Amino acid sequence: KIELSAQKYLIKFYSEIGFKKIGEEYLEDNIPH
């Protein structure tokens, strides 16, 4: 598997490649991920 921390606005981008969102939103460097 490949895990990544995606900025919230990029969820669609990564989903189109096949990534699945897991868990809840969190802040990383004050940016929603």
PDB file of all heavy atoms in Angstrom:
ATOM      1  N   LYS A   1       0.846  -1.192   0.000  1.00  0.00           N
ATOM      2  CA  LYS A   1       0.000   0.000   0.000  1.00  0.00           C
ATOM      3  C   LYS A   1       0.879   1.240   0.000  1.00  0.00           C
ATOM      4  O   LYS A   1       2.052   1.191   0.364  1.00  0.00           O
ATOM      5  CB  LYS A   1      -0.935   0.022   1.208  1.00  0.00           C
ATOM      6  CG  LYS A   1      -0.221   0.166   2.530  1.00  0.00           C
ATOM      7  CD  LYS A   1      -1.193   0.168   3.691  1.00  0.00           C
ATOM      8  CE  LYS A   1      -0.407   0.230   4.997  1.00  0.00           C
ATOM      9  NZ  LYS A   1      -1.251   0.258   6.152  1.00  0.00           N
ATOM     10  N   ILE A   2       0.275   2.330  -0.430  1.00  0.00           N
ATOM     11  CA  ILE A   2       0.908   3.640  -0.371  1.00  0.00           C
ATOM     12  C   ILE A   2      -0.001   4.528   0.463  1.00  0.00           C
ATOM     13  O   ILE A   2      -1.196   4.617   0.183  1.00  0.00           O
ATOM     14  CB  ILE A   2       1.101   4.253  -1.773  1.00  0.00           C
ATOM     15  CG1 ILE A   2       1.957   3.344  -2.653  1.00  0.00           C
ATOM     16  CG2 ILE A   2       1.706   5.647  -1.671  1.00  0.00           C
ATOM     17  CD1 ILE A   2       2.004   3.770  -4.108  1.00  0.00           C
ATOM     18  N   GLU A   3       0.548   5.140   1.480  1.00  0.00           N
ATOM     19  CA  GLU A   3      -0.204   6.067   2.327  1.00  0.00           C
ATOM     20  C   GLU A   3       0.300   7.473   2.070  1.00  0.00           C
ATOM     21  O   GLU A   3       1.489   7.683   1.877  1.00  0.00           O
ATOM     22  CB  GLU A   3       0.011   5.748   3.812  1.00  0.00           C
ATOM     23  CG  GLU A   3      -0.676   4.521   4.291  1.00  0.00           C
ATOM     24  CD  GLU A   3      -0.540   4.337   5.797  1.00  0.00           C
ATOM     25  OE1 GLU A   3      -0.466   5.335   6.534  1.00  0.00           O
ATOM     26  OE2 GLU A   3      -0.487   3.178   6.210  1.00  0.00           O
ATOM     27  N   LEU A   4      -0.617   8.425   2.095  1.00  0.00           N
ATOM     28  CA  LEU A   4      -0.202   9.814   1.995  1.00  0.00           C
ATOM     29  C   LEU A   4      -1.124  10.716   2.799  1.00  0.00           C
ATOM     30  O   LEU A   4      -2.243  10.333   3.143  1.00  0.00           O
ATOM     31  CB  LEU A   4      -0.121  10.254   0.527  1.00  0.00           C
ATOM     32  CG  LEU A   4      -1.338  10.114  -0.376  1.00  0.00           C
ATOM     33  CD1 LEU A   4      -2.296  11.276  -0.192  1.00  0.00           C
ATOM     34  CD2 LEU A   4      -0.873  10.054  -1.817  1.00  0.00           C
ATOM     35  N   SER A   5      -0.610  11.880   3.097  1.00  0.00           N
ATOM     36  CA  SER A   5      -1.397  12.933   3.742  1.00  0.00           C
ATOM     37  C   SER A   5      -1.757  13.925   2.653  1.00  0.00           C
ATOM     38  O   SER A   5      -0.892  14.655   2.159  1.00  0.00           O
ATOM     39  CB  SER A   5      -0.570  13.642   4.827  1.00  0.00           C
ATOM     40  OG  SER A   5      -0.275  12.770   5.874  1.00  0.00           O
ATOM     41  N   ALA A   6      -3.000  13.935   2.255  1.00  0.00           N
ATOM     42  CA  ALA A   6      -3.444  14.797   1.157  1.00  0.00           C
ATOM     43  C   ALA A   6      -4.077  16.068   1.698  1.00  0.00           C
ATOM     44  O   ALA A   6      -4.888  16.015   2.615  1.00  0.00           O
ATOM     45  CB  ALA A   6      -4.467  14.056   0.301  1.00  0.00           C
ATOM     46  N   GLN A   7      -3.692  17.191   1.120  1.00  0.00           N
ATOM     47  CA  GLN A   7      -4.405  18.409   1.456  1.00  0.00           C
ATOM     48  C   GLN A   7      -5.850  18.213   1.021  1.00  0.00           C
ATOM     49  O   GLN A   7      -6.119  17.612  -0.026  1.00  0.00           O
ATOM     50  CB  GLN A   7      -3.781  19.616   0.767  1.00  0.00           C
ATOM     51  CG  GLN A   7      -2.419  19.956   1.339  1.00  0.00           C
ATOM     52  CD  GLN A   7      -1.844  21.219   0.723  1.00  0.00           C
ATOM     53  OE1 GLN A   7      -2.524  21.971   0.028  1.00  0.00           O
ATOM     54  NE2 GLN A   7      -0.575  21.460   0.988  1.00  0.00           N
ATOM     55  N   LYS A   8      -6.760  18.701   1.833  1.00  0.00           N
ATOM     56  CA  LYS A   8      -8.190  18.443   1.633  1.00  0.00           C
ATOM     57  C   LYS A   8      -8.652  18.782   0.213  1.00  0.00           C
ATOM     58  O   LYS A   8      -9.417  18.041  -0.383  1.00  0.00           O
ATOM     59  CB  LYS A   8      -8.999  19.217   2.663  1.00  0.00           C
ATOM     60  CG  LYS A   8     -10.473  18.925   2.613  1.00  0.00           C
ATOM     61  CD  LYS A   8     -11.222  19.696   3.671  1.00  0.00           C
ATOM     62  CE  LYS A   8     -12.713  19.477   3.538  1.00  0.00           C
ATOM     63  NZ  LYS A   8     -13.445  20.275   4.519  1.00  0.00           N
ATOM     64  N   TYR A   9      -8.148  19.860  -0.341  1.00  0.00           N
ATOM     65  CA  TYR A   9      -8.624  20.269  -1.658  1.00  0.00           C
ATOM     66  C   TYR A   9      -8.146  19.323  -2.770  1.00  0.00           C
ATOM     67  O   TYR A   9      -8.624  19.407  -3.906  1.00  0.00           O
ATOM     68  CB  TYR A   9      -8.242  21.723  -1.961  1.00  0.00           C
ATOM     69  CG  TYR A   9      -6.823  21.937  -2.442  1.00  0.00           C
ATOM     70  CD1 TYR A   9      -6.556  22.013  -3.810  1.00  0.00           C
ATOM     71  CD2 TYR A   9      -5.756  22.068  -1.564  1.00  0.00           C
ATOM     72  CE1 TYR A   9      -5.269  22.218  -4.272  1.00  0.00           C
ATOM     73  CE2 TYR A   9      -4.469  22.267  -2.019  1.00  0.00           C
ATOM     74  CZ  TYR A   9      -4.230  22.347  -3.375  1.00  0.00           C
ATOM     75  OH  TYR A   9      -2.953  22.535  -3.828  1.00  0.00           O
ATOM     76  N   LEU A  10      -7.233  18.396  -2.447  1.00  0.00           N
ATOM     77  CA  LEU A  10      -6.711  17.463  -3.443  1.00  0.00           C
ATOM     78  C   LEU A  10      -7.314  16.063  -3.346  1.00  0.00           C
ATOM     79  O   LEU A  10      -6.869  15.141  -4.034  1.00  0.00           O
ATOM     80  CB  LEU A  10      -5.182  17.374  -3.324  1.00  0.00           C
ATOM     81  CG  LEU A  10      -4.441  18.632  -3.780  1.00  0.00           C
ATOM     82  CD1 LEU A  10      -2.980  18.558  -3.384  1.00  0.00           C
ATOM     83  CD2 LEU A  10      -4.590  18.827  -5.279  1.00  0.00           C
ATOM     84  N   ILE A  11      -8.339  15.891  -2.527  1.00  0.00           N
ATOM     85  CA  ILE A  11      -8.966  14.574  -2.370  1.00  0.00           C
ATOM     86  C   ILE A  11      -9.431  14.036  -3.722  1.00  0.00           C
ATOM     87  O   ILE A  11      -9.179  12.880  -4.056  1.00  0.00           O
ATOM     88  CB  ILE A  11     -10.132  14.620  -1.365  1.00  0.00           C
ATOM     89  CG1 ILE A  11      -9.598  14.883   0.048  1.00  0.00           C
ATOM     90  CG2 ILE A  11     -10.946  13.329  -1.403  1.00  0.00           C
ATOM     91  CD1 ILE A  11     -10.678  15.146   1.079  1.00  0.00           C
ATOM     92  N   LYS A  12     -10.081  14.852  -4.534  1.00  0.00           N
ATOM     93  CA  LYS A  12     -10.573  14.404  -5.846  1.00  0.00           C
ATOM     94  C   LYS A  12      -9.406  13.977  -6.740  1.00  0.00           C
ATOM     95  O   LYS A  12      -9.469  12.942  -7.413  1.00  0.00           O
ATOM     96  CB  LYS A  12     -11.383  15.511  -6.515  1.00  0.00           C
ATOM     97  CG  LYS A  12     -11.963  15.100  -7.853  1.00  0.00           C
ATOM     98  CD  LYS A  12     -12.807  16.205  -8.447  1.00  0.00           C
ATOM     99  CE  LYS A  12     -13.416  15.758  -9.752  1.00  0.00           C
ATOM    100  NZ  LYS A  12     -12.933  16.470 -10.909  1.00  0.00           N
ATOM    101  N   PHE A  13      -8.349  14.746  -6.743  1.00  0.00           N
ATOM    102  CA  PHE A  13      -7.161  14.436  -7.544  1.00  0.00           C
ATOM    103  C   PHE A  13      -6.632  13.041  -7.206  1.00  0.00           C
ATOM    104  O   PHE A  13      -6.425  12.205  -8.085  1.00  0.00           O
ATOM    105  CB  PHE A  13      -6.080  15.497  -7.304  1.00  0.00           C
ATOM    106  CG  PHE A  13      -4.736  15.165  -7.890  1.00  0.00           C
ATOM    107  CD1 PHE A  13      -4.471  15.412  -9.231  1.00  0.00           C
ATOM    108  CD2 PHE A  13      -3.734  14.617  -7.105  1.00  0.00           C
ATOM    109  CE1 PHE A  13      -3.225  15.113  -9.775  1.00  0.00           C
ATOM    110  CE2 PHE A  13      -2.486  14.318  -7.643  1.00  0.00           C
ATOM    111  CZ  PHE A  13      -2.235  14.563  -8.979  1.00  0.00           C
ATOM    112  N   TYR A  14      -6.417  12.782  -5.911  1.00  0.00           N
ATOM    113  CA  TYR A  14      -5.872  11.481  -5.502  1.00  0.00           C
ATOM    114  C   TYR A  14      -6.892  10.354  -5.691  1.00  0.00           C
ATOM    115  O   TYR A  14      -6.513   9.234  -6.019  1.00  0.00           O
ATOM    116  CB  TYR A  14      -5.376  11.537  -4.058  1.00  0.00           C
ATOM    117  CG  TYR A  14      -4.097  12.332  -3.925  1.00  0.00           C
ATOM    118  CD1 TYR A  14      -4.067  13.546  -3.246  1.00  0.00           C
ATOM    119  CD2 TYR A  14      -2.913  11.878  -4.492  1.00  0.00           C
ATOM    120  CE1 TYR A  14      -2.892  14.275  -3.131  1.00  0.00           C
ATOM    121  CE2 TYR A  14      -1.740  12.606  -4.387  1.00  0.00           C
ATOM    122  CZ  TYR A  14      -1.736  13.804  -3.710  1.00  0.00           C
ATOM    123  OH  TYR A  14      -0.577  14.518  -3.612  1.00  0.00           O
ATOM    124  N   SER A  15      -8.166  10.658  -5.510  1.00  0.00           N
ATOM    125  CA  SER A  15      -9.210   9.645  -5.726  1.00  0.00           C
ATOM    126  C   SER A  15      -9.226   9.175  -7.174  1.00  0.00           C
ATOM    127  O   SER A  15      -9.427   7.994  -7.456  1.00  0.00           O
ATOM    128  CB  SER A  15     -10.580  10.195  -5.344  1.00  0.00           C
ATOM    129  OG  SER A  15     -10.637  10.455  -3.964  1.00  0.00           O
ATOM    130  N   GLU A  16      -9.000  10.089  -8.103  1.00  0.00           N
ATOM    131  CA  GLU A  16      -8.979   9.745  -9.522  1.00  0.00           C
ATOM    132  C   GLU A  16      -7.839   8.786  -9.863  1.00  0.00           C
ATOM    133  O   GLU A  16      -7.914   8.052 -10.838  1.00  0.00           O
ATOM    134  CB  GLU A  16      -8.869  11.014 -10.384  1.00  0.00           C
ATOM    135  CG  GLU A  16     -10.132  11.845 -10.367  1.00  0.00           C
ATOM    136  CD  GLU A  16      -9.985  13.192 -11.059  1.00  0.00           C
ATOM    137  OE1 GLU A  16      -8.843  13.553 -11.461  1.00  0.00           O
ATOM    138  OE2 GLU A  16     -10.999  13.889 -11.193  1.00  0.00           O
ATOM    139  N   ILE A  17      -6.795   8.781  -9.043  1.00  0.00           N
ATOM    140  CA  ILE A  17      -5.655   7.887  -9.251  1.00  0.00           C
ATOM    141  C   ILE A  17      -5.887   6.549  -8.545  1.00  0.00           C
ATOM    142  O   ILE A  17      -5.194   5.590  -8.790  1.00  0.00           O
ATOM    143  CB  ILE A  17      -4.354   8.552  -8.748  1.00  0.00           C
ATOM    144  CG1 ILE A  17      -4.096   9.854  -9.513  1.00  0.00           C
ATOM    145  CG2 ILE A  17      -3.155   7.630  -8.887  1.00  0.00           C
ATOM    146  CD1 ILE A  17      -2.976  10.696  -8.951  1.00  0.00           C
ATOM    147  N   GLY A  18      -6.887   6.496  -7.661  1.00  0.00           N
ATOM    148  CA  GLY A  18      -7.207   5.247  -6.985  1.00  0.00           C
ATOM    149  C   GLY A  18      -7.063   5.257  -5.480  1.00  0.00           C
ATOM    150  O   GLY A  18      -7.343   4.267  -4.817  1.00  0.00           O
ATOM    151  N   PHE A  19      -6.610   6.371  -4.914  1.00  0.00           N
ATOM    152  CA  PHE A  19      -6.474   6.465  -3.464  1.00  0.00           C
ATOM    153  C   PHE A  19      -7.852   6.546  -2.816  1.00  0.00           C
ATOM    154  O   PHE A  19      -8.786   7.113  -3.388  1.00  0.00           O
ATOM    155  CB  PHE A  19      -5.655   7.699  -3.071  1.00  0.00           C
ATOM    156  CG  PHE A  19      -4.173   7.543  -3.269  1.00  0.00           C
ATOM    157  CD1 PHE A  19      -3.591   7.795  -4.498  1.00  0.00           C
ATOM    158  CD2 PHE A  19      -3.361   7.147  -2.223  1.00  0.00           C
ATOM    159  CE1 PHE A  19      -2.227   7.651  -4.694  1.00  0.00           C
ATOM    160  CE2 PHE A  19      -1.997   7.000  -2.401  1.00  0.00           C
ATOM    161  CZ  PHE A  19      -1.429   7.249  -3.646  1.00  0.00           C
ATOM    162  N   LYS A  20      -7.964   5.986  -1.622  1.00  0.00           N
ATOM    163  CA  LYS A  20      -9.196   6.023  -0.831  1.00  0.00           C
ATOM    164  C   LYS A  20      -8.946   6.814   0.443  1.00  0.00           C
ATOM    165  O   LYS A  20      -7.937   6.613   1.124  1.00  0.00           O
ATOM    166  CB  LYS A  20      -9.662   4.612  -0.454  1.00  0.00           C
ATOM    167  CG  LYS A  20      -9.829   3.672  -1.624  1.00  0.00           C
ATOM    168  CD  LYS A  20     -11.012   4.026  -2.468  1.00  0.00           C
ATOM    169  CE  LYS A  20     -11.173   3.003  -3.587  1.00  0.00           C
ATOM    170  NZ  LYS A  20     -11.788   3.519  -4.752  1.00  0.00           N
ATOM    171  N   LYS A  21      -9.875   7.688   0.750  1.00  0.00           N
ATOM    172  CA  LYS A  21      -9.801   8.486   1.978  1.00  0.00           C
ATOM    173  C   LYS A  21     -10.101   7.590   3.174  1.00  0.00           C
ATOM    174  O   LYS A  21     -11.041   6.801   3.141  1.00  0.00           O
ATOM    175  CB  LYS A  21     -10.818   9.620   1.898  1.00  0.00           C
ATOM    176  CG  LYS A  21     -10.869  10.489   3.108  1.00  0.00           C
ATOM    177  CD  LYS A  21     -11.980  11.528   2.973  1.00  0.00           C
ATOM    178  CE  LYS A  21     -12.299  12.012   4.360  1.00  0.00           C
ATOM    179  NZ  LYS A  21     -13.601  12.544   4.516  1.00  0.00           N
ATOM    180  N   ILE A  22      -9.270   7.698   4.202  1.00  0.00           N
ATOM    181  CA  ILE A  22      -9.538   6.977   5.442  1.00  0.00           C
ATOM    182  C   ILE A  22      -9.389   7.950   6.605  1.00  0.00           C
ATOM    183  O   ILE A  22      -8.590   8.869   6.562  1.00  0.00           O
ATOM    184  CB  ILE A  22      -8.615   5.751   5.640  1.00  0.00           C
ATOM    185  CG1 ILE A  22      -7.165   6.168   5.706  1.00  0.00           C
ATOM    186  CG2 ILE A  22      -8.824   4.732   4.542  1.00  0.00           C
ATOM    187  CD1 ILE A  22      -6.253   5.063   6.174  1.00  0.00           C
ATOM    188  N   GLY A  23     -10.194   7.764   7.598  1.00  0.00           N
ATOM    189  CA  GLY A  23     -10.091   8.610   8.782  1.00  0.00           C
ATOM    190  C   GLY A  23     -10.706   9.977   8.588  1.00  0.00           C
ATOM    191  O   GLY A  23     -11.339  10.282   7.577  1.00  0.00           O
ATOM    192  N   GLU A  24     -10.484  10.774   9.597  1.00  0.00           N
ATOM    193  CA  GLU A  24     -11.066  12.113   9.643  1.00  0.00           C
ATOM    194  C   GLU A  24     -10.047  13.162   9.209  1.00  0.00           C
ATOM    195  O   GLU A  24      -8.845  12.930   9.221  1.00  0.00           O
ATOM    196  CB  GLU A  24     -11.531  12.419  11.073  1.00  0.00           C
ATOM    197  CG  GLU A  24     -12.624  11.484  11.584  1.00  0.00           C
ATOM    198  CD  GLU A  24     -13.898  11.569  10.765  1.00  0.00           C
ATOM    199  OE1 GLU A  24     -14.300  12.692  10.411  1.00  0.00           O
ATOM    200  OE2 GLU A  24     -14.473  10.507  10.475  1.00  0.00           O
ATOM    201  N   GLU A  25     -10.561  14.321   8.902  1.00  0.00           N
ATOM    202  CA  GLU A  25      -9.731  15.462   8.548  1.00  0.00           C
ATOM    203  C   GLU A  25      -8.907  15.888   9.760  1.00  0.00           C
ATOM    204  O   GLU A  25      -9.361  15.806  10.898  1.00  0.00           O
ATOM    205  CB  GLU A  25     -10.653  16.604   8.112  1.00  0.00           C
ATOM    206  CG  GLU A  25      -9.960  17.851   7.669  1.00  0.00           C
ATOM    207  CD  GLU A  25     -10.943  18.935   7.254  1.00  0.00           C
ATOM    208  OE1 GLU A  25     -11.904  18.640   6.518  1.00  0.00           O
ATOM    209  OE2 GLU A  25     -10.759  20.075   7.702  1.00  0.00           O
ATOM    210  N   TYR A  26      -7.685  16.362   9.519  1.00  0.00           N
ATOM    211  CA  TYR A  26      -6.814  16.854  10.588  1.00  0.00           C
ATOM    212  C   TYR A  26      -5.982  18.010  10.039  1.00  0.00           C
ATOM    213  O   TYR A  26      -5.899  18.211   8.820  1.00  0.00           O
ATOM    214  CB  TYR A  26      -5.911  15.731  11.121  1.00  0.00           C
ATOM    215  CG  TYR A  26      -5.049  15.100  10.068  1.00  0.00           C
ATOM    216  CD1 TYR A  26      -3.766  15.572   9.813  1.00  0.00           C
ATOM    217  CD2 TYR A  26      -5.525  14.038   9.296  1.00  0.00           C
ATOM    218  CE1 TYR A  26      -2.975  14.995   8.828  1.00  0.00           C
ATOM    219  CE2 TYR A  26      -4.746  13.459   8.320  1.00  0.00           C
ATOM    220  CZ  TYR A  26      -3.471  13.935   8.093  1.00  0.00           C
ATOM    221  OH  TYR A  26      -2.702  13.369   7.115  1.00  0.00           O
ATOM    222  N   LEU A  27      -5.404  18.766  10.938  1.00  0.00           N
ATOM    223  CA  LEU A  27      -4.565  19.887  10.529  1.00  0.00           C
ATOM    224  C   LEU A  27      -3.098  19.469  10.525  1.00  0.00           C
ATOM    225  O   LEU A  27      -2.623  18.844  11.466  1.00  0.00           O
ATOM    226  CB  LEU A  27      -4.744  21.082  11.466  1.00  0.00           C
ATOM    227  CG  LEU A  27      -6.062  21.827  11.386  1.00  0.00           C
ATOM    228  CD1 LEU A  27      -6.096  22.963  12.398  1.00  0.00           C
ATOM    229  CD2 LEU A  27      -6.297  22.382   9.985  1.00  0.00           C
ATOM    230  N   GLU A  28      -2.429  19.815   9.456  1.00  0.00           N
ATOM    231  CA  GLU A  28      -0.988  19.630   9.343  1.00  0.00           C
ATOM    232  C   GLU A  28      -0.444  20.963   8.849  1.00  0.00           C
ATOM    233  O   GLU A  28      -0.847  21.436   7.781  1.00  0.00           O
ATOM    234  CB  GLU A  28      -0.677  18.507   8.356  1.00  0.00           C
ATOM    235  CG  GLU A  28       0.787  18.147   8.277  1.00  0.00           C
ATOM    236  CD  GLU A  28       1.027  16.944   7.379  1.00  0.00           C
ATOM    237  OE1 GLU A  28       0.358  15.900   7.571  1.00  0.00           O
ATOM    238  OE2 GLU A  28       1.877  17.057   6.487  1.00  0.00           O
ATOM    239  N   ASP A  29       0.402  21.593   9.641  1.00  0.00           N
ATOM    240  CA  ASP A  29       0.888  22.943   9.317  1.00  0.00           C
ATOM    241  C   ASP A  29      -0.267  23.920   9.111  1.00  0.00           C
ATOM    242  O   ASP A  29      -0.237  24.777   8.232  1.00  0.00           O
ATOM    243  CB  ASP A  29       1.791  22.920   8.078  1.00  0.00           C
ATOM    244  CG  ASP A  29       3.035  22.075   8.268  1.00  0.00           C
ATOM    245  OD1 ASP A  29       3.555  22.039   9.401  1.00  0.00           O
ATOM    246  OD2 ASP A  29       3.483  21.439   7.299  1.00  0.00           O
ATOM    247  N   ASN A  30      -1.326  23.744   9.919  1.00  0.00           N
ATOM    248  CA  ASN A  30      -2.532  24.578   9.854  1.00  0.00           C
ATOM    249  C   ASN A  30      -3.274  24.490   8.523  1.00  0.00           C
ATOM    250  O   ASN A  30      -4.008  25.395   8.142  1.00  0.00           O
ATOM    251  CB  ASN A  30      -2.222  26.037  10.196  1.00  0.00           C
ATOM    252  CG  ASN A  30      -2.002  26.229  11.670  1.00  0.00           C
ATOM    253  OD1 ASN A  30      -2.640  25.566  12.491  1.00  0.00           O
ATOM    254  ND2 ASN A  30      -1.103  27.122  12.034  1.00  0.00           N
ATOM    255  N   ILE A  31      -3.076  23.388   7.798  1.00  0.00           N
ATOM    256  CA  ILE A  31      -3.770  23.153   6.536  1.00  0.00           C
ATOM    257  C   ILE A  31      -4.578  21.867   6.693  1.00  0.00           C
ATOM    258  O   ILE A  31      -4.042  20.856   7.140  1.00  0.00           O
ATOM    259  CB  ILE A  31      -2.762  22.992   5.369  1.00  0.00           C
ATOM    260  CG1 ILE A  31      -1.907  24.261   5.228  1.00  0.00           C
ATOM    261  CG2 ILE A  31      -3.483  22.674   4.061  1.00  0.00           C
ATOM    262  CD1 ILE A  31      -0.719  24.095   4.302  1.00  0.00           C
ATOM    263  N   PRO A  32      -5.879  21.883   6.337  1.00  0.00           N
ATOM    264  CA  PRO A  32      -6.687  20.652   6.440  1.00  0.00           C
ATOM    265  C   PRO A  32      -6.157  19.542   5.544  1.00  0.00           C
ATOM    266  O   PRO A  32      -5.897  19.764   4.360  1.00  0.00           O
ATOM    267  CB  PRO A  32      -8.080  21.078   5.992  1.00  0.00           C
ATOM    268  CG  PRO A  32      -8.096  22.564   6.069  1.00  0.00           C
ATOM    269  CD  PRO A  32      -6.677  23.012   5.866  1.00  0.00           C
ATOM    270  N   HIS A  33      -5.956  18.371   6.121  1.00  0.00           N
ATOM    271  CA  HIS A  33      -5.454  17.187   5.415  1.00  0.00           C
ATOM    272  C   HIS A  33      -6.342  15.995   5.727  1.00  0.00           C
ATOM    273  O   HIS A  33      -7.072  16.000   6.711  1.00  0.00           O
ATOM    274  CB  HIS A  33      -4.040  16.831   5.880  1.00  0.00           C
ATOM    275  CG  HIS A  33      -2.954  17.671   5.291  1.00  0.00           C
ATOM    276  ND1 HIS A  33      -2.765  18.985   5.628  1.00  0.00           N
ATOM    277  CD2 HIS A  33      -1.987  17.347   4.416  1.00  0.00           C
ATOM    278  CE1 HIS A  33      -1.715  19.449   4.966  1.00  0.00           C
ATOM    279  NE2 HIS A  33      -1.227  18.467   4.221  1.00  0.00           N
TER     280      HIS A  33
END
